[in-house]
């Protein structure tokens, strides 16, 4: 849908991208799907030196230890794994271990980040792409190795535009629908 053939002119790139819609158990977009409830199935908290692609948005060195929280969520209706959420947070004390484990199920992740870090969130930069599942993701979702999954990377910033944390959300492709939602001012 990104290009169209025009007789006598060749192939022309479309100005507006086609909308991508997939069979959905989870909605990844501006408006949440009220029909899907996620339940925390597994959570791991540990410290590690972040990979380069995580250290860069966090603005820390790859040799700096950061806290990692990896959570697997299941869909409340069919009990199938549907989302993996990994967050990397820098500059936290040892007491962060308990706080990262005990995030209340009803608390949104941005609210939890504010509580844990004591910093107010001002902006989030996110991009989503498709890639092959890593071994942990394939095992958690019960899919063959190297199956395509959707991955969203989100870096959270405070009011001074300093990074607070970096998250990676992963979904199996049969569980998401990616849509754009735009609002416009009334035209007079």
C-alpha atoms as a PDB file:
ATOM      1  CA  UNK A   1       0.000   0.000   0.000  1.00  0.00           C
ATOM      2  CA  UNK A   2       2.992   2.371   0.020  1.00  0.00           C
ATOM      3  CA  UNK A   3       3.167   2.704  -3.778  1.00  0.00           C
ATOM      4  CA  UNK A   4       0.793   2.543  -6.729  1.00  0.00           C
ATOM      5  CA  UNK A   5       1.406   1.825 -10.384  1.00  0.00           C
ATOM      6  CA  UNK A   6       0.338   4.590 -12.767  1.00  0.00           C
ATOM      7  CA  UNK A   7       0.288   3.720 -16.470  1.00  0.00           C
ATOM      8  CA  UNK A   8       2.871   5.749 -18.370  1.00  0.00           C
ATOM      9  CA  UNK A   9       4.379   7.214 -15.181  1.00  0.00           C
ATOM     10  CA  UNK A  10       5.738   4.180 -13.351  1.00  0.00           C
ATOM     11  CA  UNK A  11       5.331   3.594  -9.623  1.00  0.00           C
ATOM     12  CA  UNK A  12       4.342   6.511  -7.410  1.00  0.00           C
ATOM     13  CA  UNK A  13       4.861   6.550  -3.643  1.00  0.00           C
ATOM     14  CA  UNK A  14       1.613   7.336  -1.849  1.00  0.00           C
ATOM     15  CA  UNK A  15       1.534  10.410   0.365  1.00  0.00           C
ATOM     16  CA  UNK A  16      -0.453   8.766   3.127  1.00  0.00           C
ATOM     17  CA  UNK A  17       0.495   5.380   4.507  1.00  0.00           C
ATOM     18  CA  UNK A  18      -1.989   2.577   4.525  1.00  0.00           C
ATOM     19  CA  UNK A  19      -3.422   1.594   7.850  1.00  0.00           C
ATOM     20  CA  UNK A  20      -2.143  -1.681   9.266  1.00  0.00           C
ATOM     21  CA  UNK A  21      -4.752  -3.836  10.938  1.00  0.00           C
ATOM     22  CA  UNK A  22      -4.084  -7.264  12.392  1.00  0.00           C
ATOM     23  CA  UNK A  23      -6.214  -9.794  14.249  1.00  0.00           C
ATOM     24  CA  UNK A  24      -6.333  -8.337  17.696  1.00  0.00           C
ATOM     25  CA  UNK A  25      -6.344  -9.419  21.297  1.00  0.00           C
ATOM     26  CA  UNK A  26      -4.522  -6.275  22.367  1.00  0.00           C
ATOM     27  CA  UNK A  27      -4.747  -2.778  20.968  1.00  0.00           C
ATOM     28  CA  UNK A  28      -1.507  -0.834  20.518  1.00  0.00           C
ATOM     29  CA  UNK A  29      -2.391   2.747  19.725  1.00  0.00           C
ATOM     30  CA  UNK A  30      -3.662   6.056  20.984  1.00  0.00           C
ATOM     31  CA  UNK A  31      -6.904   4.626  22.311  1.00  0.00           C
ATOM     32  CA  UNK A  32      -6.894   1.509  24.518  1.00  0.00           C
ATOM     33  CA  UNK A  33      -9.181  -1.387  23.726  1.00  0.00           C
ATOM     34  CA  UNK A  34     -11.531  -1.618  26.718  1.00  0.00           C
ATOM     35  CA  UNK A  35     -12.247  -5.271  25.952  1.00  0.00           C
ATOM     36  CA  UNK A  36      -8.754  -6.488  26.863  1.00  0.00           C
ATOM     37  CA  UNK A  37      -7.531  -6.886  30.428  1.00  0.00           C
ATOM     38  CA  UNK A  38      -3.937  -7.769  31.225  1.00  0.00           C
ATOM     39  CA  UNK A  39      -2.830  -9.633  34.325  1.00  0.00           C
ATOM     40  CA  UNK A  40       0.718  -9.745  35.629  1.00  0.00           C
ATOM     41  CA  UNK A  41       1.950 -13.310  35.205  1.00  0.00           C
ATOM     42  CA  UNK A  42       5.659 -13.077  36.009  1.00  0.00           C
ATOM     43  CA  UNK A  43       8.042 -10.321  37.109  1.00  0.00           C
ATOM     44  CA  UNK A  44      11.838 -10.331  37.411  1.00  0.00           C
ATOM     45  CA  UNK A  45      13.906  -7.497  38.863  1.00  0.00           C
ATOM     46  CA  UNK A  46      17.670  -7.369  38.562  1.00  0.00           C
ATOM     47  CA  UNK A  47      20.636  -5.109  37.808  1.00  0.00           C
ATOM     48  CA  UNK A  48      22.794  -5.250  34.683  1.00  0.00           C
ATOM     49  CA  UNK A  49      24.945  -3.175  32.379  1.00  0.00           C
ATOM     50  CA  UNK A  50      22.524  -2.005  29.690  1.00  0.00           C
ATOM     51  CA  UNK A  51      23.002  -3.005  26.044  1.00  0.00           C
ATOM     52  CA  UNK A  52      24.250  -0.177  23.810  1.00  0.00           C
ATOM     53  CA  UNK A  53      20.798   0.466  22.318  1.00  0.00           C
ATOM     54  CA  UNK A  54      19.437   0.989  25.866  1.00  0.00           C
ATOM     55  CA  UNK A  55      22.420   2.900  27.293  1.00  0.00           C
ATOM     56  CA  UNK A  56      22.153   5.468  24.478  1.00  0.00           C
ATOM     57  CA  UNK A  57      18.577   6.706  25.143  1.00  0.00           C
ATOM     58  CA  UNK A  58      19.218   6.552  28.897  1.00  0.00           C
ATOM     59  CA  UNK A  59      22.332   8.703  28.350  1.00  0.00           C
ATOM     60  CA  UNK A  60      24.441   6.395  30.518  1.00  0.00           C
ATOM     61  CA  UNK A  61      27.568   4.429  29.746  1.00  0.00           C
ATOM     62  CA  UNK A  62      27.245   0.780  28.800  1.00  0.00           C
ATOM     63  CA  UNK A  63      29.378  -0.061  31.855  1.00  0.00           C
ATOM     64  CA  UNK A  64      26.945   1.656  34.263  1.00  0.00           C
ATOM     65  CA  UNK A  65      24.678  -0.708  36.192  1.00  0.00           C
ATOM     66  CA  UNK A  66      20.943  -0.020  35.852  1.00  0.00           C
ATOM     67  CA  UNK A  67      17.823  -1.611  37.315  1.00  0.00           C
ATOM     68  CA  UNK A  68      15.800  -3.825  35.007  1.00  0.00           C
ATOM     69  CA  UNK A  69      12.175  -4.881  35.492  1.00  0.00           C
ATOM     70  CA  UNK A  70      10.915  -7.589  33.140  1.00  0.00           C
ATOM     71  CA  UNK A  71       7.232  -8.489  33.339  1.00  0.00           C
ATOM     72  CA  UNK A  72       5.134 -10.953  31.359  1.00  0.00           C
ATOM     73  CA  UNK A  73       1.391 -10.280  31.115  1.00  0.00           C
ATOM     74  CA  UNK A  74      -1.411 -12.637  30.153  1.00  0.00           C
ATOM     75  CA  UNK A  75      -4.832 -11.867  28.700  1.00  0.00           C
ATOM     76  CA  UNK A  76      -7.479 -12.210  31.390  1.00  0.00           C
ATOM     77  CA  UNK A  77      -9.931 -13.934  29.052  1.00  0.00           C
ATOM     78  CA  UNK A  78      -7.847 -16.749  27.530  1.00  0.00           C
ATOM     79  CA  UNK A  79      -4.875 -16.760  29.956  1.00  0.00           C
ATOM     80  CA  UNK A  80      -2.386 -16.627  27.071  1.00  0.00           C
ATOM     81  CA  UNK A  81       0.859 -14.567  27.295  1.00  0.00           C
ATOM     82  CA  UNK A  82       0.216 -11.374  25.369  1.00  0.00           C
ATOM     83  CA  UNK A  83       2.769  -8.730  26.415  1.00  0.00           C
ATOM     84  CA  UNK A  84       6.353  -8.563  27.661  1.00  0.00           C
ATOM     85  CA  UNK A  85       7.376  -5.253  29.199  1.00  0.00           C
ATOM     86  CA  UNK A  86      11.038  -4.633  30.021  1.00  0.00           C
ATOM     87  CA  UNK A  87      12.121  -1.346  31.642  1.00  0.00           C
ATOM     88  CA  UNK A  88      15.597  -0.051  32.355  1.00  0.00           C
ATOM     89  CA  UNK A  89      15.981   2.647  35.045  1.00  0.00           C
ATOM     90  CA  UNK A  90      19.214   4.393  36.019  1.00  0.00           C
ATOM     91  CA  UNK A  91      20.231   6.151  39.224  1.00  0.00           C
ATOM     92  CA  UNK A  92      18.067   4.207  41.684  1.00  0.00           C
ATOM     93  CA  UNK A  93      19.076   3.050  45.167  1.00  0.00           C
ATOM     94  CA  UNK A  94      19.117  -0.562  46.370  1.00  0.00           C
ATOM     95  CA  UNK A  95      15.624  -0.001  47.814  1.00  0.00           C
ATOM     96  CA  UNK A  96      14.358   0.098  44.222  1.00  0.00           C
ATOM     97  CA  UNK A  97      14.282  -3.702  44.126  1.00  0.00           C
ATOM     98  CA  UNK A  98      11.174  -3.926  46.316  1.00  0.00           C
ATOM     99  CA  UNK A  99       9.488  -0.930  44.694  1.00  0.00           C
ATOM    100  CA  UNK A 100       9.956  -2.387  41.207  1.00  0.00           C
ATOM    101  CA  UNK A 101       8.522  -5.753  42.277  1.00  0.00           C
ATOM    102  CA  UNK A 102       5.539  -4.324  44.143  1.00  0.00           C
ATOM    103  CA  UNK A 103       4.054  -2.060  41.476  1.00  0.00           C
ATOM    104  CA  UNK A 104       0.308  -2.151  42.096  1.00  0.00           C
ATOM    105  CA  UNK A 105      -1.607  -3.883  39.293  1.00  0.00           C
ATOM    106  CA  UNK A 106      -3.962  -0.911  39.001  1.00  0.00           C
ATOM    107  CA  UNK A 107      -1.128   1.617  38.642  1.00  0.00           C
ATOM    108  CA  UNK A 108      -0.072   2.645  35.147  1.00  0.00           C
ATOM    109  CA  UNK A 109       3.614   2.261  34.384  1.00  0.00           C
ATOM    110  CA  UNK A 110       4.203   6.050  34.014  1.00  0.00           C
ATOM    111  CA  UNK A 111       2.630   6.591  37.457  1.00  0.00           C
ATOM    112  CA  UNK A 112       4.835   3.850  38.910  1.00  0.00           C
ATOM    113  CA  UNK A 113       7.955   5.389  37.354  1.00  0.00           C
ATOM    114  CA  UNK A 114       7.096   8.755  38.933  1.00  0.00           C
ATOM    115  CA  UNK A 115       6.610   7.127  42.344  1.00  0.00           C
ATOM    116  CA  UNK A 116       9.800   5.070  42.154  1.00  0.00           C
ATOM    117  CA  UNK A 117      12.090   7.795  40.776  1.00  0.00           C
ATOM    118  CA  UNK A 118      10.472  10.861  42.345  1.00  0.00           C
ATOM    119  CA  UNK A 119      10.685  12.609  38.957  1.00  0.00           C
ATOM    120  CA  UNK A 120       7.685  13.936  37.043  1.00  0.00           C
ATOM    121  CA  UNK A 121       7.169  12.602  33.543  1.00  0.00           C
ATOM    122  CA  UNK A 122       6.856  15.298  30.885  1.00  0.00           C
ATOM    123  CA  UNK A 123       7.207  13.407  27.586  1.00  0.00           C
ATOM    124  CA  UNK A 124       7.533   9.963  26.050  1.00  0.00           C
ATOM    125  CA  UNK A 125       9.200   9.228  22.721  1.00  0.00           C
ATOM    126  CA  UNK A 126       8.072   5.906  21.240  1.00  0.00           C
ATOM    127  CA  UNK A 127       8.656   3.979  18.038  1.00  0.00           C
ATOM    128  CA  UNK A 128       7.251   0.597  17.005  1.00  0.00           C
ATOM    129  CA  UNK A 129       8.631  -1.950  14.579  1.00  0.00           C
ATOM    130  CA  UNK A 130       8.460  -5.620  13.710  1.00  0.00           C
ATOM    131  CA  UNK A 131      11.404  -7.961  14.286  1.00  0.00           C
ATOM    132  CA  UNK A 132      12.166 -11.595  15.034  1.00  0.00           C
ATOM    133  CA  UNK A 133      11.477 -12.770  18.597  1.00  0.00           C
ATOM    134  CA  UNK A 134      14.451 -13.379  20.853  1.00  0.00           C
ATOM    135  CA  UNK A 135      14.613 -16.754  22.680  1.00  0.00           C
ATOM    136  CA  UNK A 136      12.967 -15.424  25.875  1.00  0.00           C
ATOM    137  CA  UNK A 137      10.087 -13.867  23.928  1.00  0.00           C
ATOM    138  CA  UNK A 138       9.552 -16.979  21.800  1.00  0.00           C
ATOM    139  CA  UNK A 139       9.449 -19.158  24.916  1.00  0.00           C
ATOM    140  CA  UNK A 140       7.155 -16.785  26.848  1.00  0.00           C
ATOM    141  CA  UNK A 141       4.669 -16.481  23.979  1.00  0.00           C
ATOM    142  CA  UNK A 142       4.899 -20.158  23.044  1.00  0.00           C
ATOM    143  CA  UNK A 143       5.855 -19.365  19.451  1.00  0.00           C
ATOM    144  CA  UNK A 144       8.622 -20.813  17.239  1.00  0.00           C
ATOM    145  CA  UNK A 145      12.039 -19.157  17.443  1.00  0.00           C
ATOM    146  CA  UNK A 146      12.506 -16.203  15.086  1.00  0.00           C
ATOM    147  CA  UNK A 147       8.751 -15.657  14.656  1.00  0.00           C
ATOM    148  CA  UNK A 148       7.934 -12.016  13.895  1.00  0.00           C
ATOM    149  CA  UNK A 149       6.761  -9.922  16.880  1.00  0.00           C
ATOM    150  CA  UNK A 150       5.850  -6.251  17.303  1.00  0.00           C
ATOM    151  CA  UNK A 151       8.179  -4.213  19.509  1.00  0.00           C
ATOM    152  CA  UNK A 152       7.679  -0.688  20.859  1.00  0.00           C
ATOM    153  CA  UNK A 153      10.603   1.205  22.408  1.00  0.00           C
ATOM    154  CA  UNK A 154       9.650   4.139  24.637  1.00  0.00           C
ATOM    155  CA  UNK A 155      11.975   6.610  26.370  1.00  0.00           C
ATOM    156  CA  UNK A 156      10.431   8.642  29.185  1.00  0.00           C
ATOM    157  CA  UNK A 157      11.698  12.179  29.907  1.00  0.00           C
ATOM    158  CA  UNK A 158      11.276  14.648  32.759  1.00  0.00           C
ATOM    159  CA  UNK A 159      10.558  18.384  32.415  1.00  0.00           C
ATOM    160  CA  UNK A 160      14.269  19.129  31.840  1.00  0.00           C
ATOM    161  CA  UNK A 161      14.261  16.616  28.930  1.00  0.00           C
ATOM    162  CA  UNK A 162      16.472  14.234  30.898  1.00  0.00           C
ATOM    163  CA  UNK A 163      15.715  10.541  30.343  1.00  0.00           C
ATOM    164  CA  UNK A 164      14.079   8.775  33.284  1.00  0.00           C
ATOM    165  CA  UNK A 165      13.710   5.268  31.916  1.00  0.00           C
ATOM    166  CA  UNK A 166      13.544   3.234  28.734  1.00  0.00           C
ATOM    167  CA  UNK A 167      10.929   0.544  28.091  1.00  0.00           C
ATOM    168  CA  UNK A 168      10.499  -2.192  25.517  1.00  0.00           C
ATOM    169  CA  UNK A 169       7.015  -3.649  24.944  1.00  0.00           C
ATOM    170  CA  UNK A 170       6.694  -6.814  22.880  1.00  0.00           C
ATOM    171  CA  UNK A 171       3.524  -8.450  21.515  1.00  0.00           C
ATOM    172  CA  UNK A 172       2.931 -11.494  19.292  1.00  0.00           C
ATOM    173  CA  UNK A 173       1.674 -10.347  15.899  1.00  0.00           C
ATOM    174  CA  UNK A 174      -1.671 -12.124  16.286  1.00  0.00           C
ATOM    175  CA  UNK A 175      -2.369 -10.085  19.403  1.00  0.00           C
ATOM    176  CA  UNK A 176      -2.165  -6.503  18.186  1.00  0.00           C
ATOM    177  CA  UNK A 177      -3.833  -4.050  15.902  1.00  0.00           C
ATOM    178  CA  UNK A 178      -1.848  -0.913  15.154  1.00  0.00           C
ATOM    179  CA  UNK A 179      -3.993   2.088  14.256  1.00  0.00           C
ATOM    180  CA  UNK A 180      -3.584   5.830  14.136  1.00  0.00           C
ATOM    181  CA  UNK A 181      -6.041   8.121  15.875  1.00  0.00           C
ATOM    182  CA  UNK A 182      -6.044  11.825  14.987  1.00  0.00           C
ATOM    183  CA  UNK A 183      -8.076  14.706  16.338  1.00  0.00           C
ATOM    184  CA  UNK A 184      -8.620  17.902  14.384  1.00  0.00           C
ATOM    185  CA  UNK A 185      -9.893  21.346  15.282  1.00  0.00           C
ATOM    186  CA  UNK A 186     -13.257  22.205  13.776  1.00  0.00           C
ATOM    187  CA  UNK A 187     -12.963  23.773  10.337  1.00  0.00           C
ATOM    188  CA  UNK A 188     -14.896  27.034  10.009  1.00  0.00           C
END
